[in-house]
Amino acid sequence: MTTLHGEIPGAHGSHGGHDHHDGSYLDRKGGMVSTIIDWATTIDHKKIGVMYLVAVLTMFFIGGIAAMLIRYELFQPVRIQTVGEMAGKATGTDLATLFGQKDMSVAQADNIYNRVMTLHGAVMVFMFIVPGIPASLGNFLLPLMLGAKDVAFPRLNLASWYVYVFGSIFGILAIVMGGVDTGWTFYTPYSSSHADPGHWRVVFMILAAFILGFSSIFTGLNFIVTVHKLRAPGLGWFDLPLFVWAMYSTSIIQVLATPVIGITLLLLVFERLFHVGIFDPALGGDPVLFQHFFWFYSHPVVYVMILPGMGIISECIAVHSRKQIFGYKAIAFSSLSIAAISFLVWGHHLFTSEGELAATIFSALTFLVAIPTAVKVFNWIGTLYKGSIQINTPMLYTLFFLFTFSIGGLTGLPLGALATDLHLHDSYFVVAHFHYVMMGGTVIAFLAGIHHWWPKMFGRMYNERWSMFACVLVFIGFNTTFFTQFFLGTRGMPRRYASYPDEFQTLHQISSIGAAILLIGFLVHLAVLVGSLFAGKKAPANPWGGLTFEWEADSPPTTHNFHHEPIAKHGPYAFDDVVPPHCDPKDYPLADPLPPGAKAH
């Protein structure tokens, strides 16, 4: 894609006599206190990206623990014994017992389950998966991929980090106070009722989501301006890596949709504190109005979660199959199309609470979003065809993504069709579909991206064999956990319930065992990546043979990213024409020239 030396074309890797000799961004600045202050006050996009990465992965761990507690509770149903010495008593209240509450009623035990379920949903959505890829990998890589020294507004970038921390503190405060039982959607009247003794817990959790929205807006605004204004010389719009296109589309959604949920949550807090009827029917409000506002934001934000993952997959497929991406412009425009259509389909979350005409229109619109998504999948598979595929951890996760995300997408079709949605609504089928898109899509792509860029970010290689082993564990554990839930949903198991008929117990137990395998896979990944920081081999500047700007930089990059201003001289995926920077031409032989008049796809 690039060369770093305008005066010496093709002199990849040589720093000539123009070096700034700035060190790695990871270099310590004196003692421990000085280093902490340096990181706490940094405006370096790479350090902010790393701080976000640590924070969102910590939130992923907390949300994951809550998920394990849910599966622990569902291992056996909560029921009232009708015979024997235990007659009239509740059994199966494992979660309450775990928290030291042995003699609780079913209602009390279910309340604990609801709080853990809300904790899982709220932490995973608002503190992990929405900011996850944009704030961590996006912050670290976007300026590098554009050939820039930093984002357009570095101080705003630091402010977004502290806003994220501040909002998360409110969320943790609500958890420490006992948690909330509203569900992560904060549906009214569950969230608007002010009669319960835990009134302030709900206020704090809503404020957490409200404040976190500002962090999202700051990041999106910064990325849009950075892409417009800080591209390197020669880097046109259609020379941009597809990850940048995905982040650009994501940023548009962040900036346009997030204010809607911000205002909605503020109105909800206002209603709770001042008893003004807005959404609560007991005060003359309309709960369906809340659902419209909530999903007008929350459906587009589904694409804030998945679009960056799609960008990662585009990078991994091209680099690890050493192939010019098939249908570059189709993938780029499909990202923008998804962003635009995402604002038109919120009503499909309200099929059971809206009129027939509205439901029919939203059902038709819902199928539109499948088109650009299918374009991406088709082009990814087209890129893999006859590619030189390297089976390593990033590629393995990429292939797993194609499998799990396709299942997630295809199972969305019966939920978009009115006739089938009315039967599957609020069942475990929806839970399985949602997790195949969010976890089988975004989280799997996030893991692919972390392993793809880990050597660049930290300058260390990880143990490939153990990492691939963990990857397989994650794949088996994920599918065992969630594919089972499709069967639960089609057989009538409603979501959000701790009690269920005995006929569902075997499937629930299989799902819980899958969750345990999934946990082991993540723990192995954690050990491998942390171990690489202390004992990993030093990473070369370009271990995978990538052509985009970030592979021109050192591993880890210097404080100013590049030793010279980069200049774009070729496309981001011109593997047939260019030897990757910092690589031996013997390892990357170029393809034979095409006959006159022939075109590569």
Foldseek 3Di string as FASTA:
>chain_A
DWAQDPVDPPPFPDLPPQFPPFFFPPDADPDPVSRVVCLLPDLQLLSQLVVLQVQQVVLVVLLLVLVLLLLQLQLDFWDADCDDPRHRFIPSLVSCVVVVNDRDHPVVSLQLNLQSQQSNQQSCQLVHQLCPCCRHVVSNPLCLLLLALHWPDSVLNSVLSVLLVVLVVLLVVLVVVPGARCHNLCFPPSLQDQPDPSNVSSLSSLSSSLSNLSSLLSSLVRLLCRVVPPGFAACDPLQGQLLSLLSNLLSVLSNPQSVLSNVLSVVSSCCNVVVQADPYVVSPHNRVVSLLSSLLNVQLSLSSRFSSLLSLLQQLLLLQLLFDQFPSVLLSVLSNVLSVLSNVQSCLLCLPPDDPVVLVVNLVSVVVNVVSVVSSLVRSVVRNVVTNHDDFLLVLLSVQLSVLQVVLSVLVNLSSDSVNVVLLPQALSVVLSSCSNNCSRRVSSSRSNCQQCVCQSQQFHWDGVLLVVLVVLLSQLSCQQRVLSNVRRNVPHGPSRSHDDPVCSVSSSSNSVSSVSNVVSVVSVVCRSVVRNPDGDGHALANRFWAGSSSSAGRHHGSSRDRGRMHDDDHRSVLQPDGRRPDDCVVRPHDDDDDPPDDDD
